[in-house]
């Protein structure tokens, strides 16, 4: 009988078809790697040098409006450009390239420079969700756009160049690689079973109650069975919808509530501003029938043992496949035990 707590084993990621190696016995080994002193960062509510704060000048000379909730603009240093010509390159089928056209936007979540998503109130997070939905619908009107990626990098370790709370939206003319993997898996399951892959998976997880973190009327946040990052989580809509544009007002309010509760739990694990990369996966646009797609949102945080000990994909993970020591069940249990009151609020009180 396979013992998930003791035996090395692989788990299948049903969204990508790839495997992760779980080595639970390794979590007992002593840590002899680098440990850094934790520096508590105190930021002002307004920073005159921040290019995202209200009324400040950005790199291209544009002055931000005096916004009061969330604010969106085209990235001054976009990774994709709308006017890129359609070109291809092929040398002997060995050197291949093609141009990629797109639009990149930045969303400032709040005018407050000193906040992060878990420190914002639910109403403020709802305003961000509303803007995500509005931007998705507006960008999808461009027939050449095939995919819209909504994401957030939180923390310098995840490549975030500005601590002001913000995320990004990249819309492009082709479907990205990770989304192609999930598209194939979801389509295969839908054709075979007549039900969305994540609806079936969510039903199973709700019955087992082993990895559930948040469960409300419209969303579930859980540690997926195949999680690769230490405290990786997945938010899934209970209703089978293919993209964020389909969410009702009630669903958007519950999504904001889920985001707030999950990210507070993250911060409370190590009493630090918990870094992560998070992003929605949803159906491509202007690309035919997408009824097999089920909206969901991934959270990939790198912290493992403390606020200063990070997990990186190195060695075996880069050369073979992802590997983890703590089990997803252990991670889910730890997250579930966290308070939904932010640690800073408790300290202030």
C-alpha atoms as a PDB file:
ATOM      1  CA  UNK A   1       0.000   0.000   0.000  1.00  0.00           C
ATOM      2  CA  UNK A   2       1.475   3.354  -1.068  1.00  0.00           C
ATOM      3  CA  UNK A   3       2.098   5.580   1.945  1.00  0.00           C
ATOM      4  CA  UNK A   4       2.085   9.231   0.832  1.00  0.00           C
ATOM      5  CA  UNK A   5       3.767  10.327   4.094  1.00  0.00           C
ATOM      6  CA  UNK A   6       6.788   7.997   3.866  1.00  0.00           C
ATOM      7  CA  UNK A   7       7.267   6.523   0.393  1.00  0.00           C
ATOM      8  CA  UNK A   8       8.845   8.433  -2.533  1.00  0.00           C
ATOM      9  CA  UNK A   9       6.269   8.572  -5.308  1.00  0.00           C
ATOM     10  CA  UNK A  10       5.224  10.501  -8.406  1.00  0.00           C
ATOM     11  CA  UNK A  11       1.942  12.317  -8.837  1.00  0.00           C
ATOM     12  CA  UNK A  12       0.316  13.181 -12.158  1.00  0.00           C
ATOM     13  CA  UNK A  13      -0.606  16.773 -12.923  1.00  0.00           C
ATOM     14  CA  UNK A  14      -3.918  16.223 -14.703  1.00  0.00           C
ATOM     15  CA  UNK A  15      -3.838  19.759 -16.126  1.00  0.00           C
ATOM     16  CA  UNK A  16      -0.535  19.325 -17.966  1.00  0.00           C
ATOM     17  CA  UNK A  17       0.009  15.559 -18.181  1.00  0.00           C
ATOM     18  CA  UNK A  18       3.373  15.960 -16.430  1.00  0.00           C
ATOM     19  CA  UNK A  19       4.606  14.337 -13.220  1.00  0.00           C
ATOM     20  CA  UNK A  20       6.092  15.613  -9.953  1.00  0.00           C
ATOM     21  CA  UNK A  21       8.321  13.534  -7.662  1.00  0.00           C
ATOM     22  CA  UNK A  22       7.315  13.660  -3.983  1.00  0.00           C
ATOM     23  CA  UNK A  23      10.020  12.658  -1.454  1.00  0.00           C
ATOM     24  CA  UNK A  24       8.340  13.068   1.965  1.00  0.00           C
ATOM     25  CA  UNK A  25      11.141  11.376   3.936  1.00  0.00           C
ATOM     26  CA  UNK A  26      13.555  14.176   2.910  1.00  0.00           C
ATOM     27  CA  UNK A  27      11.633  16.750   4.942  1.00  0.00           C
ATOM     28  CA  UNK A  28      13.177  15.176   8.063  1.00  0.00           C
ATOM     29  CA  UNK A  29      16.735  16.133   7.073  1.00  0.00           C
ATOM     30  CA  UNK A  30      18.404  19.068   8.896  1.00  0.00           C
ATOM     31  CA  UNK A  31      18.808  22.316   6.978  1.00  0.00           C
ATOM     32  CA  UNK A  32      22.430  23.423   6.586  1.00  0.00           C
ATOM     33  CA  UNK A  33      21.948  25.901   3.773  1.00  0.00           C
ATOM     34  CA  UNK A  34      21.814  29.670   3.820  1.00  0.00           C
ATOM     35  CA  UNK A  35      19.651  31.465   6.368  1.00  0.00           C
ATOM     36  CA  UNK A  36      19.287  35.243   6.126  1.00  0.00           C
ATOM     37  CA  UNK A  37      18.240  37.832   8.677  1.00  0.00           C
ATOM     38  CA  UNK A  38      14.632  38.889   8.145  1.00  0.00           C
ATOM     39  CA  UNK A  39      14.309  42.589   7.424  1.00  0.00           C
ATOM     40  CA  UNK A  40      10.865  44.014   8.133  1.00  0.00           C
ATOM     41  CA  UNK A  41      10.114  46.447   5.329  1.00  0.00           C
ATOM     42  CA  UNK A  42       8.242  49.610   6.232  1.00  0.00           C
ATOM     43  CA  UNK A  43       6.924  51.489   3.211  1.00  0.00           C
ATOM     44  CA  UNK A  44       5.130  54.847   3.135  1.00  0.00           C
ATOM     45  CA  UNK A  45       1.526  55.092   1.921  1.00  0.00           C
ATOM     46  CA  UNK A  46       2.823  57.388  -0.824  1.00  0.00           C
ATOM     47  CA  UNK A  47       6.283  57.338  -2.410  1.00  0.00           C
ATOM     48  CA  UNK A  48       7.191  60.366  -4.571  1.00  0.00           C
ATOM     49  CA  UNK A  49       9.726  58.206  -6.463  1.00  0.00           C
ATOM     50  CA  UNK A  50       7.264  55.390  -7.308  1.00  0.00           C
ATOM     51  CA  UNK A  51       6.050  55.349 -10.922  1.00  0.00           C
ATOM     52  CA  UNK A  52       2.777  53.668  -9.863  1.00  0.00           C
ATOM     53  CA  UNK A  53       1.681  56.078  -7.117  1.00  0.00           C
ATOM     54  CA  UNK A  54      -1.118  58.565  -7.966  1.00  0.00           C
ATOM     55  CA  UNK A  55       0.021  61.837  -9.540  1.00  0.00           C
ATOM     56  CA  UNK A  56       3.582  60.642 -10.185  1.00  0.00           C
ATOM     57  CA  UNK A  57       5.407  60.735 -13.502  1.00  0.00           C
ATOM     58  CA  UNK A  58       6.217  57.430 -15.240  1.00  0.00           C
ATOM     59  CA  UNK A  59       9.320  56.632 -17.314  1.00  0.00           C
ATOM     60  CA  UNK A  60       7.747  57.822 -20.569  1.00  0.00           C
ATOM     61  CA  UNK A  61       6.723  61.160 -19.037  1.00  0.00           C
ATOM     62  CA  UNK A  62       3.043  60.289 -18.558  1.00  0.00           C
ATOM     63  CA  UNK A  63       1.575  61.526 -15.275  1.00  0.00           C
ATOM     64  CA  UNK A  64      -0.642  59.077 -13.402  1.00  0.00           C
ATOM     65  CA  UNK A  65      -4.154  60.280 -12.569  1.00  0.00           C
ATOM     66  CA  UNK A  66      -5.074  60.837  -8.937  1.00  0.00           C
ATOM     67  CA  UNK A  67      -6.810  57.448  -8.827  1.00  0.00           C
ATOM     68  CA  UNK A  68      -8.654  56.217  -5.728  1.00  0.00           C
ATOM     69  CA  UNK A  69      -9.085  52.457  -6.264  1.00  0.00           C
ATOM     70  CA  UNK A  70      -7.337  50.603  -9.126  1.00  0.00           C
ATOM     71  CA  UNK A  71      -5.695  51.963 -12.263  1.00  0.00           C
ATOM     72  CA  UNK A  72      -4.626  50.394 -15.580  1.00  0.00           C
ATOM     73  CA  UNK A  73      -2.277  51.557 -18.341  1.00  0.00           C
ATOM     74  CA  UNK A  74      -0.241  50.131 -21.223  1.00  0.00           C
ATOM     75  CA  UNK A  75       3.170  49.045 -19.912  1.00  0.00           C
ATOM     76  CA  UNK A  76       5.859  51.615 -20.695  1.00  0.00           C
ATOM     77  CA  UNK A  77       8.298  48.725 -21.248  1.00  0.00           C
ATOM     78  CA  UNK A  78       6.009  46.144 -22.863  1.00  0.00           C
ATOM     79  CA  UNK A  79       7.343  42.672 -23.626  1.00  0.00           C
ATOM     80  CA  UNK A  80       4.921  42.547 -26.573  1.00  0.00           C
ATOM     81  CA  UNK A  81       4.129  45.314 -29.061  1.00  0.00           C
ATOM     82  CA  UNK A  82       0.904  45.831 -30.958  1.00  0.00           C
ATOM     83  CA  UNK A  83       2.527  47.036 -34.198  1.00  0.00           C
ATOM     84  CA  UNK A  84       4.905  44.076 -34.619  1.00  0.00           C
ATOM     85  CA  UNK A  85       4.824  42.887 -38.276  1.00  0.00           C
ATOM     86  CA  UNK A  86       3.844  39.306 -39.072  1.00  0.00           C
ATOM     87  CA  UNK A  87       7.126  37.607 -39.995  1.00  0.00           C
ATOM     88  CA  UNK A  88       8.617  34.097 -39.900  1.00  0.00           C
ATOM     89  CA  UNK A  89      12.166  32.735 -40.039  1.00  0.00           C
ATOM     90  CA  UNK A  90      13.294  29.194 -40.867  1.00  0.00           C
ATOM     91  CA  UNK A  91      16.794  27.986 -41.640  1.00  0.00           C
ATOM     92  CA  UNK A  92      16.916  24.277 -42.574  1.00  0.00           C
ATOM     93  CA  UNK A  93      14.146  23.492 -40.046  1.00  0.00           C
ATOM     94  CA  UNK A  94      16.843  23.954 -37.386  1.00  0.00           C
ATOM     95  CA  UNK A  95      16.652  27.675 -36.651  1.00  0.00           C
ATOM     96  CA  UNK A  96      13.010  28.710 -36.390  1.00  0.00           C
ATOM     97  CA  UNK A  97      11.343  31.891 -35.173  1.00  0.00           C
ATOM     98  CA  UNK A  98       8.178  33.895 -35.714  1.00  0.00           C
ATOM     99  CA  UNK A  99       7.085  37.343 -34.655  1.00  0.00           C
ATOM    100  CA  UNK A 100       4.715  37.730 -31.698  1.00  0.00           C
ATOM    101  CA  UNK A 101       2.267  40.604 -31.511  1.00  0.00           C
ATOM    102  CA  UNK A 102       0.591  41.700 -28.316  1.00  0.00           C
ATOM    103  CA  UNK A 103      -0.529  44.288 -25.777  1.00  0.00           C
ATOM    104  CA  UNK A 104       0.873  44.460 -22.238  1.00  0.00           C
ATOM    105  CA  UNK A 105      -0.912  46.346 -19.476  1.00  0.00           C
ATOM    106  CA  UNK A 106      -0.160  47.111 -15.835  1.00  0.00           C
ATOM    107  CA  UNK A 107      -2.831  47.279 -13.127  1.00  0.00           C
ATOM    108  CA  UNK A 108      -2.081  49.180  -9.927  1.00  0.00           C
ATOM    109  CA  UNK A 109      -4.282  47.419  -7.365  1.00  0.00           C
ATOM    110  CA  UNK A 110      -4.425  50.352  -4.948  1.00  0.00           C
ATOM    111  CA  UNK A 111      -3.235  53.967  -4.681  1.00  0.00           C
ATOM    112  CA  UNK A 112      -1.581  52.947  -1.376  1.00  0.00           C
ATOM    113  CA  UNK A 113       2.126  52.192  -1.866  1.00  0.00           C
ATOM    114  CA  UNK A 114       2.381  50.360   1.473  1.00  0.00           C
ATOM    115  CA  UNK A 115      -0.307  47.725   0.894  1.00  0.00           C
ATOM    116  CA  UNK A 116      -0.331  44.264  -0.658  1.00  0.00           C
ATOM    117  CA  UNK A 117      -3.360  42.248  -1.786  1.00  0.00           C
ATOM    118  CA  UNK A 118      -3.900  40.533   1.612  1.00  0.00           C
ATOM    119  CA  UNK A 119      -3.818  43.912   3.365  1.00  0.00           C
ATOM    120  CA  UNK A 120      -6.507  45.439   1.131  1.00  0.00           C
ATOM    121  CA  UNK A 121     -10.163  45.239   2.179  1.00  0.00           C
ATOM    122  CA  UNK A 122     -12.574  43.081   0.213  1.00  0.00           C
ATOM    123  CA  UNK A 123     -14.229  46.049  -1.520  1.00  0.00           C
ATOM    124  CA  UNK A 124     -10.858  47.210  -2.867  1.00  0.00           C
ATOM    125  CA  UNK A 125     -10.052  43.700  -4.136  1.00  0.00           C
ATOM    126  CA  UNK A 126     -13.480  43.557  -5.803  1.00  0.00           C
ATOM    127  CA  UNK A 127     -12.518  46.705  -7.728  1.00  0.00           C
ATOM    128  CA  UNK A 128      -9.442  44.854  -9.009  1.00  0.00           C
ATOM    129  CA  UNK A 129     -11.568  41.859 -10.054  1.00  0.00           C
ATOM    130  CA  UNK A 130     -13.978  44.218 -11.859  1.00  0.00           C
ATOM    131  CA  UNK A 131     -11.055  45.760 -13.723  1.00  0.00           C
ATOM    132  CA  UNK A 132      -9.680  42.320 -14.661  1.00  0.00           C
ATOM    133  CA  UNK A 133     -13.068  41.428 -16.110  1.00  0.00           C
ATOM    134  CA  UNK A 134     -13.422  44.732 -17.968  1.00  0.00           C
ATOM    135  CA  UNK A 135      -9.914  44.532 -19.437  1.00  0.00           C
ATOM    136  CA  UNK A 136     -10.428  40.920 -20.523  1.00  0.00           C
ATOM    137  CA  UNK A 137     -13.645  41.835 -22.353  1.00  0.00           C
ATOM    138  CA  UNK A 138     -12.090  44.906 -24.008  1.00  0.00           C
ATOM    139  CA  UNK A 139      -8.931  43.107 -25.144  1.00  0.00           C
ATOM    140  CA  UNK A 140     -10.938  40.159 -26.503  1.00  0.00           C
ATOM    141  CA  UNK A 141     -12.649  42.535 -28.956  1.00  0.00           C
ATOM    142  CA  UNK A 142      -9.396  42.557 -30.952  1.00  0.00           C
ATOM    143  CA  UNK A 143      -9.894  39.604 -33.298  1.00  0.00           C
ATOM    144  CA  UNK A 144      -6.148  39.005 -33.686  1.00  0.00           C
ATOM    145  CA  UNK A 145      -5.752  38.387 -29.944  1.00  0.00           C
ATOM    146  CA  UNK A 146      -5.949  34.681 -29.061  1.00  0.00           C
ATOM    147  CA  UNK A 147      -4.960  34.603 -25.396  1.00  0.00           C
ATOM    148  CA  UNK A 148      -5.143  36.967 -22.417  1.00  0.00           C
ATOM    149  CA  UNK A 149      -2.880  36.224 -19.459  1.00  0.00           C
ATOM    150  CA  UNK A 150      -3.719  37.943 -16.168  1.00  0.00           C
ATOM    151  CA  UNK A 151      -1.007  37.554 -13.522  1.00  0.00           C
ATOM    152  CA  UNK A 152       0.809  39.027 -10.524  1.00  0.00           C
ATOM    153  CA  UNK A 153       4.417  38.728  -9.367  1.00  0.00           C
ATOM    154  CA  UNK A 154       4.661  39.558  -5.665  1.00  0.00           C
ATOM    155  CA  UNK A 155       8.055  40.125  -4.044  1.00  0.00           C
ATOM    156  CA  UNK A 156      11.527  40.857  -5.366  1.00  0.00           C
ATOM    157  CA  UNK A 157      12.417  37.173  -5.392  1.00  0.00           C
ATOM    158  CA  UNK A 158       9.708  36.647  -8.030  1.00  0.00           C
ATOM    159  CA  UNK A 159      11.097  39.400 -10.239  1.00  0.00           C
ATOM    160  CA  UNK A 160       8.811  42.175  -9.040  1.00  0.00           C
ATOM    161  CA  UNK A 161      10.643  45.443  -9.756  1.00  0.00           C
ATOM    162  CA  UNK A 162       8.276  47.715  -7.798  1.00  0.00           C
ATOM    163  CA  UNK A 163       6.730  46.941  -4.365  1.00  0.00           C
ATOM    164  CA  UNK A 164       3.615  49.018  -5.122  1.00  0.00           C
ATOM    165  CA  UNK A 165       0.722  46.488  -5.310  1.00  0.00           C
ATOM    166  CA  UNK A 166       0.184  45.700  -8.971  1.00  0.00           C
ATOM    167  CA  UNK A 167      -0.302  42.970 -11.562  1.00  0.00           C
ATOM    168  CA  UNK A 168      -0.137  42.636 -15.315  1.00  0.00           C
ATOM    169  CA  UNK A 169      -2.182  41.582 -18.332  1.00  0.00           C
ATOM    170  CA  UNK A 170      -0.483  40.305 -21.485  1.00  0.00           C
ATOM    171  CA  UNK A 171      -2.693  39.749 -24.529  1.00  0.00           C
ATOM    172  CA  UNK A 172      -1.106  38.059 -27.538  1.00  0.00           C
ATOM    173  CA  UNK A 173      -1.697  36.634 -30.985  1.00  0.00           C
ATOM    174  CA  UNK A 174      -0.807  33.028 -30.088  1.00  0.00           C
ATOM    175  CA  UNK A 175      -1.680  30.641 -27.260  1.00  0.00           C
ATOM    176  CA  UNK A 176       1.282  30.197 -24.824  1.00  0.00           C
ATOM    177  CA  UNK A 177       2.921  26.824 -24.191  1.00  0.00           C
ATOM    178  CA  UNK A 178       1.607  26.154 -20.648  1.00  0.00           C
ATOM    179  CA  UNK A 179      -1.925  27.012 -21.746  1.00  0.00           C
ATOM    180  CA  UNK A 180      -1.621  24.678 -24.746  1.00  0.00           C
ATOM    181  CA  UNK A 181      -0.797  21.804 -22.367  1.00  0.00           C
ATOM    182  CA  UNK A 182      -3.841  22.516 -20.213  1.00  0.00           C
ATOM    183  CA  UNK A 183      -6.031  22.971 -23.269  1.00  0.00           C
ATOM    184  CA  UNK A 184      -5.185  19.492 -24.552  1.00  0.00           C
ATOM    185  CA  UNK A 185      -5.773  17.808 -21.181  1.00  0.00           C
ATOM    186  CA  UNK A 186      -9.091  19.565 -20.574  1.00  0.00           C
ATOM    187  CA  UNK A 187     -10.356  18.900 -24.096  1.00  0.00           C
ATOM    188  CA  UNK A 188      -9.488  15.196 -23.916  1.00  0.00           C
ATOM    189  CA  UNK A 189     -11.337  14.811 -20.617  1.00  0.00           C
ATOM    190  CA  UNK A 190     -14.359  16.810 -21.761  1.00  0.00           C
ATOM    191  CA  UNK A 191     -14.740  14.787 -24.968  1.00  0.00           C
ATOM    192  CA  UNK A 192     -14.424  11.498 -23.076  1.00  0.00           C
ATOM    193  CA  UNK A 193     -16.599  12.295 -20.027  1.00  0.00           C
ATOM    194  CA  UNK A 194     -18.897  15.147 -21.113  1.00  0.00           C
ATOM    195  CA  UNK A 195     -17.862  17.142 -18.050  1.00  0.00           C
ATOM    196  CA  UNK A 196     -15.096  19.630 -17.366  1.00  0.00           C
ATOM    197  CA  UNK A 197     -11.896  18.147 -15.930  1.00  0.00           C
ATOM    198  CA  UNK A 198     -11.815  20.602 -13.038  1.00  0.00           C
ATOM    199  CA  UNK A 199     -15.503  20.091 -12.169  1.00  0.00           C
ATOM    200  CA  UNK A 200     -14.798  16.386 -11.713  1.00  0.00           C
ATOM    201  CA  UNK A 201     -11.578  17.077  -9.808  1.00  0.00           C
ATOM    202  CA  UNK A 202     -13.291  19.612  -7.543  1.00  0.00           C
ATOM    203  CA  UNK A 203     -16.086  17.128  -6.738  1.00  0.00           C
ATOM    204  CA  UNK A 204     -13.462  14.579  -5.670  1.00  0.00           C
ATOM    205  CA  UNK A 205     -11.467  17.054  -3.554  1.00  0.00           C
ATOM    206  CA  UNK A 206     -14.611  18.307  -1.806  1.00  0.00           C
ATOM    207  CA  UNK A 207     -15.552  14.731  -0.923  1.00  0.00           C
ATOM    208  CA  UNK A 208     -12.078  13.908   0.415  1.00  0.00           C
ATOM    209  CA  UNK A 209     -11.538  17.223   2.305  1.00  0.00           C
ATOM    210  CA  UNK A 210      -7.769  16.557   2.490  1.00  0.00           C
ATOM    211  CA  UNK A 211      -6.373  19.581   0.626  1.00  0.00           C
ATOM    212  CA  UNK A 212      -9.136  22.224   0.831  1.00  0.00           C
ATOM    213  CA  UNK A 213      -8.122  25.668   2.162  1.00  0.00           C
ATOM    214  CA  UNK A 214     -11.096  27.916   1.306  1.00  0.00           C
ATOM    215  CA  UNK A 215     -14.611  26.783   0.418  1.00  0.00           C
ATOM    216  CA  UNK A 216     -17.366  29.341  -0.160  1.00  0.00           C
ATOM    217  CA  UNK A 217     -20.480  29.574  -2.330  1.00  0.00           C
ATOM    218  CA  UNK A 218     -18.654  30.065  -5.633  1.00  0.00           C
ATOM    219  CA  UNK A 219     -14.937  29.176  -5.261  1.00  0.00           C
ATOM    220  CA  UNK A 220     -12.586  26.651  -3.727  1.00  0.00           C
ATOM    221  CA  UNK A 221      -8.909  27.249  -2.945  1.00  0.00           C
ATOM    222  CA  UNK A 222      -6.881  24.082  -2.424  1.00  0.00           C
ATOM    223  CA  UNK A 223      -3.411  22.600  -2.599  1.00  0.00           C
ATOM    224  CA  UNK A 224      -3.575  20.504  -5.778  1.00  0.00           C
ATOM    225  CA  UNK A 225      -2.727  16.804  -5.439  1.00  0.00           C
ATOM    226  CA  UNK A 226       0.141  17.322  -7.931  1.00  0.00           C
ATOM    227  CA  UNK A 227       1.548  20.568  -6.408  1.00  0.00           C
ATOM    228  CA  UNK A 228       5.239  21.140  -7.231  1.00  0.00           C
ATOM    229  CA  UNK A 229       5.985  24.329  -5.255  1.00  0.00           C
ATOM    230  CA  UNK A 230       5.968  24.000  -1.415  1.00  0.00           C
ATOM    231  CA  UNK A 231       2.749  25.930  -0.752  1.00  0.00           C
ATOM    232  CA  UNK A 232       1.316  25.956  -4.250  1.00  0.00           C
ATOM    233  CA  UNK A 233      -2.456  26.477  -4.425  1.00  0.00           C
ATOM    234  CA  UNK A 234      -5.204  26.465  -7.009  1.00  0.00           C
ATOM    235  CA  UNK A 235      -8.419  28.526  -6.994  1.00  0.00           C
ATOM    236  CA  UNK A 236     -11.231  26.925  -9.019  1.00  0.00           C
ATOM    237  CA  UNK A 237     -14.690  28.306  -9.746  1.00  0.00           C
ATOM    238  CA  UNK A 238     -17.481  25.958  -8.643  1.00  0.00           C
ATOM    239  CA  UNK A 239     -19.487  26.875 -11.723  1.00  0.00           C
ATOM    240  CA  UNK A 240     -18.020  25.671 -15.006  1.00  0.00           C
ATOM    241  CA  UNK A 241     -17.165  28.930 -16.774  1.00  0.00           C
ATOM    242  CA  UNK A 242     -14.469  29.300 -19.415  1.00  0.00           C
ATOM    243  CA  UNK A 243     -13.219  32.815 -18.600  1.00  0.00           C
ATOM    244  CA  UNK A 244     -13.506  35.702 -16.158  1.00  0.00           C
ATOM    245  CA  UNK A 245     -15.973  37.581 -18.366  1.00  0.00           C
ATOM    246  CA  UNK A 246     -18.663  35.046 -17.400  1.00  0.00           C
ATOM    247  CA  UNK A 247     -18.541  35.718 -13.642  1.00  0.00           C
ATOM    248  CA  UNK A 248     -21.620  37.266 -12.032  1.00  0.00           C
ATOM    249  CA  UNK A 249     -21.460  40.077  -9.459  1.00  0.00           C
ATOM    250  CA  UNK A 250     -21.878  37.491  -6.684  1.00  0.00           C
ATOM    251  CA  UNK A 251     -19.067  35.351  -8.069  1.00  0.00           C
ATOM    252  CA  UNK A 252     -16.734  38.319  -8.355  1.00  0.00           C
ATOM    253  CA  UNK A 253     -17.413  39.239  -4.725  1.00  0.00           C
ATOM    254  CA  UNK A 254     -16.628  35.676  -3.664  1.00  0.00           C
ATOM    255  CA  UNK A 255     -13.455  35.650  -5.778  1.00  0.00           C
ATOM    256  CA  UNK A 256     -12.285  38.802  -3.979  1.00  0.00           C
ATOM    257  CA  UNK A 257     -13.085  37.161  -0.647  1.00  0.00           C
ATOM    258  CA  UNK A 258     -11.165  34.016  -1.654  1.00  0.00           C
ATOM    259  CA  UNK A 259      -8.124  36.007  -2.789  1.00  0.00           C
ATOM    260  CA  UNK A 260      -8.087  37.989   0.444  1.00  0.00           C
ATOM    261  CA  UNK A 261      -8.397  34.934   2.693  1.00  0.00           C
ATOM    262  CA  UNK A 262      -5.830  32.833   0.811  1.00  0.00           C
ATOM    263  CA  UNK A 263      -3.185  35.563   0.666  1.00  0.00           C
ATOM    264  CA  UNK A 264      -3.684  36.429   4.356  1.00  0.00           C
ATOM    265  CA  UNK A 265      -3.056  32.779   5.191  1.00  0.00           C
ATOM    266  CA  UNK A 266       0.103  32.917   3.075  1.00  0.00           C
ATOM    267  CA  UNK A 267       1.449  35.973   4.930  1.00  0.00           C
ATOM    268  CA  UNK A 268       0.640  34.378   8.280  1.00  0.00           C
ATOM    269  CA  UNK A 269       2.711  31.205   7.673  1.00  0.00           C
ATOM    270  CA  UNK A 270       6.022  32.965   8.313  1.00  0.00           C
ATOM    271  CA  UNK A 271       4.725  36.422   9.403  1.00  0.00           C
ATOM    272  CA  UNK A 272       6.100  37.999   6.255  1.00  0.00           C
ATOM    273  CA  UNK A 273       4.872  39.440   2.978  1.00  0.00           C
ATOM    274  CA  UNK A 274       4.687  36.055   1.232  1.00  0.00           C
ATOM    275  CA  UNK A 275       6.094  36.186  -2.322  1.00  0.00           C
ATOM    276  CA  UNK A 276       4.465  34.326  -5.211  1.00  0.00           C
ATOM    277  CA  UNK A 277       3.674  34.326  -8.876  1.00  0.00           C
ATOM    278  CA  UNK A 278      -0.054  33.975  -9.477  1.00  0.00           C
ATOM    279  CA  UNK A 279      -2.008  33.832 -12.693  1.00  0.00           C
ATOM    280  CA  UNK A 280      -5.351  32.885 -14.188  1.00  0.00           C
ATOM    281  CA  UNK A 281      -5.699  30.170 -16.776  1.00  0.00           C
ATOM    282  CA  UNK A 282      -8.779  30.495 -18.920  1.00  0.00           C
ATOM    283  CA  UNK A 283     -10.025  29.814 -22.428  1.00  0.00           C
ATOM    284  CA  UNK A 284      -8.372  31.380 -25.435  1.00  0.00           C
ATOM    285  CA  UNK A 285     -10.399  34.011 -27.288  1.00  0.00           C
ATOM    286  CA  UNK A 286     -11.399  34.399 -30.950  1.00  0.00           C
ATOM    287  CA  UNK A 287     -10.421  30.756 -31.310  1.00  0.00           C
ATOM    288  CA  UNK A 288     -13.510  28.580 -31.817  1.00  0.00           C
ATOM    289  CA  UNK A 289     -15.356  26.404 -29.295  1.00  0.00           C
ATOM    290  CA  UNK A 290     -13.838  26.578 -25.805  1.00  0.00           C
ATOM    291  CA  UNK A 291     -16.579  24.790 -23.839  1.00  0.00           C
ATOM    292  CA  UNK A 292     -14.060  22.332 -22.381  1.00  0.00           C
ATOM    293  CA  UNK A 293     -12.214  25.106 -20.512  1.00  0.00           C
ATOM    294  CA  UNK A 294     -12.761  25.701 -16.793  1.00  0.00           C
ATOM    295  CA  UNK A 295     -11.457  28.943 -15.242  1.00  0.00           C
ATOM    296  CA  UNK A 296      -8.834  28.574 -12.498  1.00  0.00           C
ATOM    297  CA  UNK A 297      -5.983  30.519 -10.896  1.00  0.00           C
ATOM    298  CA  UNK A 298      -2.539  29.204  -9.910  1.00  0.00           C
ATOM    299  CA  UNK A 299      -0.390  30.442  -7.007  1.00  0.00           C
ATOM    300  CA  UNK A 300       3.291  29.472  -7.047  1.00  0.00           C
ATOM    301  CA  UNK A 301       5.122  30.690  -3.883  1.00  0.00           C
ATOM    302  CA  UNK A 302       8.847  29.877  -3.400  1.00  0.00           C
ATOM    303  CA  UNK A 303       9.188  29.929   0.409  1.00  0.00           C
ATOM    304  CA  UNK A 304       9.790  26.549   2.040  1.00  0.00           C
ATOM    305  CA  UNK A 305      11.169  26.568   5.590  1.00  0.00           C
ATOM    306  CA  UNK A 306      10.977  30.192   6.721  1.00  0.00           C
ATOM    307  CA  UNK A 307      10.651  33.753   5.480  1.00  0.00           C
ATOM    308  CA  UNK A 308      14.226  33.537   4.193  1.00  0.00           C
ATOM    309  CA  UNK A 309      14.662  29.953   2.944  1.00  0.00           C
ATOM    310  CA  UNK A 310      13.454  29.634  -0.635  1.00  0.00           C
ATOM    311  CA  UNK A 311      12.754  26.672  -2.845  1.00  0.00           C
ATOM    312  CA  UNK A 312      14.198  26.795  -6.358  1.00  0.00           C
ATOM    313  CA  UNK A 313      13.764  24.430  -9.264  1.00  0.00           C
ATOM    314  CA  UNK A 314      17.367  23.260  -9.687  1.00  0.00           C
ATOM    315  CA  UNK A 315      19.406  20.132 -10.461  1.00  0.00           C
ATOM    316  CA  UNK A 316      17.093  17.148 -10.882  1.00  0.00           C
ATOM    317  CA  UNK A 317      14.111  19.452 -11.266  1.00  0.00           C
ATOM    318  CA  UNK A 318      15.678  21.269 -14.222  1.00  0.00           C
ATOM    319  CA  UNK A 319      17.062  18.121 -15.831  1.00  0.00           C
ATOM    320  CA  UNK A 320      14.287  15.607 -15.110  1.00  0.00           C
ATOM    321  CA  UNK A 321      11.012  16.737 -13.510  1.00  0.00           C
ATOM    322  CA  UNK A 322       9.779  18.800 -10.531  1.00  0.00           C
ATOM    323  CA  UNK A 323      10.374  17.398  -7.036  1.00  0.00           C
ATOM    324  CA  UNK A 324       9.116  18.341  -3.572  1.00  0.00           C
ATOM    325  CA  UNK A 325       9.797  17.169  -0.009  1.00  0.00           C
ATOM    326  CA  UNK A 326       6.780  18.242   2.042  1.00  0.00           C
ATOM    327  CA  UNK A 327       3.582  16.612   0.816  1.00  0.00           C
ATOM    328  CA  UNK A 328       0.666  18.628  -0.565  1.00  0.00           C
ATOM    329  CA  UNK A 329      -1.389  17.323   2.365  1.00  0.00           C
ATOM    330  CA  UNK A 330       1.131  18.750   4.875  1.00  0.00           C
ATOM    331  CA  UNK A 331       1.078  22.098   3.053  1.00  0.00           C
ATOM    332  CA  UNK A 332      -2.725  22.166   2.996  1.00  0.00           C
ATOM    333  CA  UNK A 333      -2.923  21.370   6.701  1.00  0.00           C
ATOM    334  CA  UNK A 334      -0.488  24.173   7.570  1.00  0.00           C
ATOM    335  CA  UNK A 335      -2.360  26.691   5.405  1.00  0.00           C
ATOM    336  CA  UNK A 336      -5.690  25.612   6.881  1.00  0.00           C
ATOM    337  CA  UNK A 337      -4.395  26.228  10.405  1.00  0.00           C
ATOM    338  CA  UNK A 338      -3.468  29.847   9.653  1.00  0.00           C
ATOM    339  CA  UNK A 339      -5.609  32.676  10.947  1.00  0.00           C
ATOM    340  CA  UNK A 340      -7.666  34.715   8.480  1.00  0.00           C
ATOM    341  CA  UNK A 341      -6.703  37.853  10.421  1.00  0.00           C
ATOM    342  CA  UNK A 342      -3.490  39.312   8.997  1.00  0.00           C
ATOM    343  CA  UNK A 343      -0.507  39.058  11.336  1.00  0.00           C
ATOM    344  CA  UNK A 344       0.150  42.816  11.103  1.00  0.00           C
ATOM    345  CA  UNK A 345      -3.396  43.517  12.293  1.00  0.00           C
ATOM    346  CA  UNK A 346      -2.929  41.174  15.246  1.00  0.00           C
ATOM    347  CA  UNK A 347       0.373  42.855  16.124  1.00  0.00           C
ATOM    348  CA  UNK A 348      -1.202  46.309  15.913  1.00  0.00           C
ATOM    349  CA  UNK A 349      -4.049  45.192  18.121  1.00  0.00           C
END
